[in-house]
Protein backbone atom coordinates (compact mmCIF):
# COMPACT_ATOMS: atom_id res chain seq x y z
CA MET A 1 30.91 9.92 -2.37
CA LYS A 2 32.06 7.26 -0.22
CA LYS A 3 33.26 8.65 3.49
CA GLY A 4 33.62 5.85 6.13
CA ILE A 5 31.57 5.97 9.14
CA GLU A 6 28.99 8.54 8.99
CA LEU A 7 27.49 8.99 12.96
CA VAL A 8 23.77 10.21 13.34
CA GLU A 9 22.39 10.44 16.79
CA ALA A 10 18.36 10.53 16.43
CA GLU A 11 16.45 11.87 19.47
CA ASN A 12 14.31 8.62 19.87
CA TYR A 13 13.58 5.34 18.13
CA GLU A 14 11.21 7.24 16.07
CA LYS A 15 13.60 9.60 14.48
CA LEU A 16 16.19 6.88 13.86
CA SER A 17 13.37 4.97 12.01
CA GLU A 18 12.76 7.80 10.26
CA ILE A 19 16.11 8.25 9.03
CA SER A 20 16.81 4.68 8.35
CA ALA A 21 13.81 4.35 5.70
CA GLU A 22 15.32 7.55 4.16
CA ALA A 23 18.16 5.77 3.35
CA MET A 24 16.12 2.43 1.96
CA VAL A 25 14.05 4.58 -0.19
CA LYS A 26 17.15 6.07 -1.32
CA CYS A 27 18.79 3.55 -2.54
CA VAL A 28 16.19 1.82 -4.09
CA LYS A 29 15.12 5.08 -6.19
CA GLU A 30 18.67 5.18 -7.17
CA LYS A 31 19.07 1.46 -8.23
CA PRO A 32 15.33 -0.16 -8.70
CA ASN A 33 17.03 -3.72 -8.75
CA ALA A 34 19.07 -3.34 -5.92
CA LEU A 35 19.75 -6.04 -3.35
CA PHE A 36 18.89 -5.23 -0.03
CA CYS A 37 20.03 -7.72 3.08
CA LEU A 38 17.71 -7.45 6.08
CA ALA A 39 18.25 -7.97 9.69
CA SER A 40 15.83 -9.16 12.01
CA GLY A 41 14.54 -7.76 15.46
CA GLY A 42 13.27 -4.73 16.91
CA SER A 43 15.56 -2.23 15.90
CA PRO A 44 14.79 -1.83 11.87
CA THR A 45 10.96 -3.05 12.45
CA LEU A 46 9.58 0.30 12.49
CA ALA A 47 12.19 1.23 9.55
CA TYR A 48 10.65 -1.26 7.46
CA LYS A 49 7.26 -0.13 8.12
CA LEU A 50 8.04 3.55 7.42
CA PHE A 51 9.78 1.84 3.88
CA ILE A 52 6.80 0.14 3.17
CA GLU A 53 4.40 3.33 3.98
CA ARG A 54 6.51 5.31 1.73
CA VAL A 55 6.53 2.63 -1.17
CA ILE A 56 2.80 2.68 -1.31
CA LYS A 57 2.49 6.53 -1.14
CA GLU A 58 5.04 7.38 -3.39
CA ASN A 59 4.03 4.55 -5.37
CA ILE A 60 7.77 3.53 -5.83
CA ASP A 61 8.44 0.56 -7.82
CA ILE A 62 10.18 -2.50 -5.91
CA SER A 63 9.18 -4.90 -8.59
CA LYS A 64 13.00 -5.87 -9.32
CA LEU A 65 13.84 -5.17 -5.82
CA ARG A 66 16.09 -8.37 -4.49
CA ILE A 67 15.98 -9.11 -0.77
CA LEU A 68 18.60 -11.57 1.00
CA LYS A 69 18.09 -12.21 4.87
CA LEU A 70 20.74 -11.95 6.66
CA ASP A 71 20.87 -14.77 9.15
CA ASP A 72 18.70 -17.18 11.19
CA TRP A 73 18.57 -19.23 13.70
CA PHE A 74 19.68 -22.85 13.04
CA GLY A 75 17.91 -26.08 14.08
CA VAL A 76 14.48 -24.82 14.37
CA GLU A 77 11.33 -24.76 11.61
CA ALA A 78 11.39 -21.61 9.38
CA GLU A 79 7.84 -21.34 10.43
CA ASP A 80 8.68 -20.94 14.16
CA PRO A 81 7.90 -17.50 14.98
CA CYS A 82 11.04 -17.06 16.45
CA THR A 83 12.70 -17.38 13.27
CA SER A 84 14.29 -14.66 11.42
CA GLU A 85 12.30 -15.85 8.37
CA PHE A 86 9.22 -15.57 10.09
CA TYR A 87 9.82 -12.08 10.94
CA VAL A 88 11.32 -10.94 7.69
CA ARG A 89 8.18 -12.53 5.66
CA LYS A 90 5.67 -10.90 8.06
CA ASN A 91 7.39 -7.55 8.36
CA PHE A 92 8.71 -6.73 4.76
CA LEU A 93 8.03 -9.63 2.14
CA GLU A 94 4.63 -10.10 2.48
CA PRO A 95 3.43 -6.01 2.74
CA LEU A 96 5.26 -5.60 -0.22
CA SER A 97 4.57 -8.75 -2.13
CA ILE A 98 8.32 -9.81 -3.05
CA SER A 99 7.99 -12.33 -5.39
CA ALA A 100 9.93 -15.54 -4.47
CA GLU A 101 12.38 -15.23 -7.28
CA ASN A 102 13.39 -11.86 -5.59
CA TYR A 103 14.30 -13.39 -2.55
CA ILE A 104 17.06 -15.72 -0.86
CA GLY A 105 17.98 -16.55 2.85
CA PHE A 106 18.94 -19.66 4.62
CA ASN A 107 16.88 -22.44 5.69
CA SER A 108 16.98 -22.64 9.54
CA GLY A 109 15.27 -26.42 9.36
CA ALA A 110 17.65 -27.51 6.83
CA GLU A 111 19.30 -30.89 7.76
CA ASP A 112 22.76 -29.81 6.40
CA GLY A 113 23.87 -26.19 7.17
CA GLN A 114 27.00 -26.36 4.93
CA SER A 115 24.84 -26.93 2.07
CA GLU A 116 22.81 -23.79 3.16
CA CYS A 117 26.04 -21.87 3.44
CA LYS A 118 27.17 -22.89 0.19
CA LYS A 119 23.77 -21.92 -1.28
CA ILE A 120 24.07 -18.17 0.18
CA ASP A 121 27.79 -18.08 -0.98
CA GLU A 122 27.34 -18.79 -4.42
CA PHE A 123 24.50 -16.63 -4.75
CA LEU A 124 26.26 -13.77 -3.36
CA LYS A 125 28.94 -14.56 -5.97
CA GLU A 126 27.19 -14.13 -8.87
CA TYR A 127 24.39 -11.85 -7.87
CA GLY A 128 26.25 -9.58 -5.35
CA PRO A 129 27.58 -7.39 -3.69
CA ILE A 130 24.82 -6.29 -1.35
CA ASP A 131 23.56 -2.59 -2.22
CA LEU A 132 22.10 -1.98 0.99
CA CYS A 133 23.22 -4.24 4.24
CA ILE A 134 20.73 -3.38 7.26
CA LEU A 135 22.43 -4.52 10.39
CA GLY A 136 21.60 -4.22 14.10
CA LEU A 137 23.90 -4.52 17.13
CA GLY A 138 24.17 -7.40 19.19
CA LYS A 139 23.93 -7.19 22.84
CA ASN A 140 27.34 -8.77 22.71
CA GLY A 141 28.59 -6.42 19.92
CA HIS A 142 27.71 -9.12 17.36
CA LEU A 143 26.97 -8.40 13.40
CA GLY A 144 24.75 -10.64 11.91
CA LEU A 145 25.09 -14.05 13.87
CA ASN A 146 28.95 -13.38 13.61
CA GLU A 147 29.87 -13.99 17.26
CA PRO A 148 32.50 -12.66 19.53
CA ARG A 149 35.35 -15.33 19.15
CA GLU A 150 38.96 -15.59 18.50
CA TYR A 151 38.88 -15.25 14.71
CA LEU A 152 35.59 -13.78 12.36
CA GLU A 153 34.53 -15.64 9.42
CA PRO A 154 34.81 -14.40 6.16
CA PHE A 155 31.95 -16.76 4.59
CA SER A 156 28.74 -17.88 5.31
CA HIS A 157 28.66 -20.42 8.34
CA VAL A 158 26.73 -22.22 11.00
CA VAL A 159 28.16 -20.95 14.46
CA LYS A 160 27.58 -21.61 18.08
CA ILE A 161 25.59 -18.48 19.73
CA ASP A 162 26.64 -17.54 23.23
CA SER A 163 24.55 -16.40 26.17
CA LYS A 164 23.96 -12.96 25.73
CA THR A 165 22.46 -13.92 22.45
CA LYS A 166 20.54 -16.63 23.81
CA THR A 167 18.53 -13.67 25.73
CA HIS A 168 17.02 -12.18 22.30
CA ASP A 169 13.84 -10.95 22.41
CA MET A 170 12.82 -12.92 19.36
CA LEU A 171 14.01 -16.05 21.25
CA LYS A 172 11.13 -15.35 23.61
CA ALA A 173 8.78 -16.71 21.31
CA THR A 174 9.93 -20.59 21.16
CA ASN A 175 10.10 -23.09 23.72
CA VAL A 176 12.83 -24.74 21.66
CA SER A 177 16.12 -24.81 22.68
CA ILE A 178 18.30 -23.08 19.84
CA ASN A 179 22.15 -23.27 20.50
CA TYR A 180 23.17 -22.48 16.54
CA GLY A 181 22.78 -20.09 14.44
CA ILE A 182 23.64 -19.32 10.81
CA THR A 183 24.66 -16.34 8.87
CA ILE A 184 26.47 -14.55 6.20
CA GLY A 185 30.23 -13.69 7.00
CA VAL A 186 32.12 -10.44 7.80
CA SER A 187 34.00 -10.17 4.11
CA GLN A 188 30.34 -10.59 2.67
CA ILE A 189 28.99 -7.97 5.02
CA MET A 190 32.24 -5.78 4.26
CA ALA A 191 31.74 -5.96 0.35
CA SER A 192 28.24 -4.24 0.50
CA GLU A 193 27.97 -1.13 -1.36
CA LYS A 194 26.62 0.79 1.75
CA ILE A 195 25.90 -0.56 5.37
CA LEU A 196 23.15 0.93 7.31
CA PHE A 197 23.77 0.29 10.82
CA ILE A 198 20.85 0.52 13.50
CA VAL A 199 21.57 0.98 17.15
CA ALA A 200 18.41 1.12 19.04
CA GLY A 201 17.63 0.18 22.86
CA ASP A 202 18.95 0.74 26.39
CA GLU A 203 20.41 -2.92 26.24
CA LYS A 204 23.09 -1.60 23.54
CA THR A 205 24.80 0.81 25.27
CA GLU A 206 27.53 -1.47 26.75
CA ALA A 207 28.52 -2.65 23.07
CA PHE A 208 28.17 0.55 21.31
CA ASN A 209 30.03 2.57 23.75
CA GLY A 210 32.90 -0.35 22.71
CA PHE A 211 31.99 0.37 19.14
CA LEU A 212 32.90 4.30 19.70
CA GLU A 213 36.28 3.47 21.19
CA LYS A 214 37.19 2.93 17.56
CA LYS A 215 38.82 -0.04 17.81
CA VAL A 216 38.62 -3.13 15.53
CA ARG A 217 38.56 -6.38 17.55
CA CYS A 218 37.07 -9.83 17.27
CA SER A 219 35.66 -9.60 20.76
CA LEU A 220 33.61 -6.99 19.26
CA PRO A 221 32.51 -8.16 15.58
CA ALA A 222 30.62 -4.88 15.12
CA SER A 223 33.73 -2.71 15.27
CA ILE A 224 34.94 -4.11 11.78
CA LEU A 225 32.53 -1.35 10.67
CA TRP A 226 35.04 0.87 11.07
CA LEU A 227 36.92 -0.54 8.11
CA HIS A 228 33.84 -0.03 5.66
CA PRO A 229 34.12 3.38 3.10
CA ASN A 230 30.53 3.51 3.22
CA THR A 231 28.50 3.08 6.37
CA LEU A 232 25.22 5.26 7.79
CA CYS A 233 25.40 4.55 11.82
CA VAL A 234 21.79 6.06 12.93
CA PHE A 235 21.67 5.68 16.79
CA GLU A 236 19.21 6.72 19.52
CA SER A 237 20.75 9.44 21.92
CA ARG A 238 20.29 6.80 25.09
CA CYS A 239 22.41 4.16 23.34
CA LYS A 240 25.77 6.41 24.38
């Protein structure tokens, strides 16, 4: 039954990751050909590891599981260790031997960003909606790379990233100057059957407290999740 946002407080990162991994396992058991949309970064890393361990231990069939990459930096080669492409392959696709035909994502090194956006939009139009969209919370309240701004984009788009986003831990792994990102839009996120919103880390406290005000505003894109009918928000106690 859909019930809006369910807030679950976890005493630490390990417990948060266990709860998140369980949500992923539940989804794929209920729907073996589910479409997962994967975020990157520190928040979901342990959850992915625990999910993989559960898949192996319980011999869960993930041969039909489909994967969509949520976002990426734009203007940097996909092989760069700072990219979401590198992260998703290392932390999810390769450990589970996900086949190429079951994975799609933005090419961060593409010359034409609009073509990449069109590719993902057409994929979601034909094969969506997303069954489980896994999201983290940006330090500035962004969702995917939907940055705080005057308006929010409904569909995939290239976006200029702001100064707080440039302090992302993943960007510490590169010497390349990155000014743009590419991401699915808020309408595509909101069309997801279920959202797993993972909030971890001391640096998320300000943004998360803003989220908890339950006021939907473009200056805090994650606040739009209050309008989603089926979101599980798992957060560390230290984040509030």
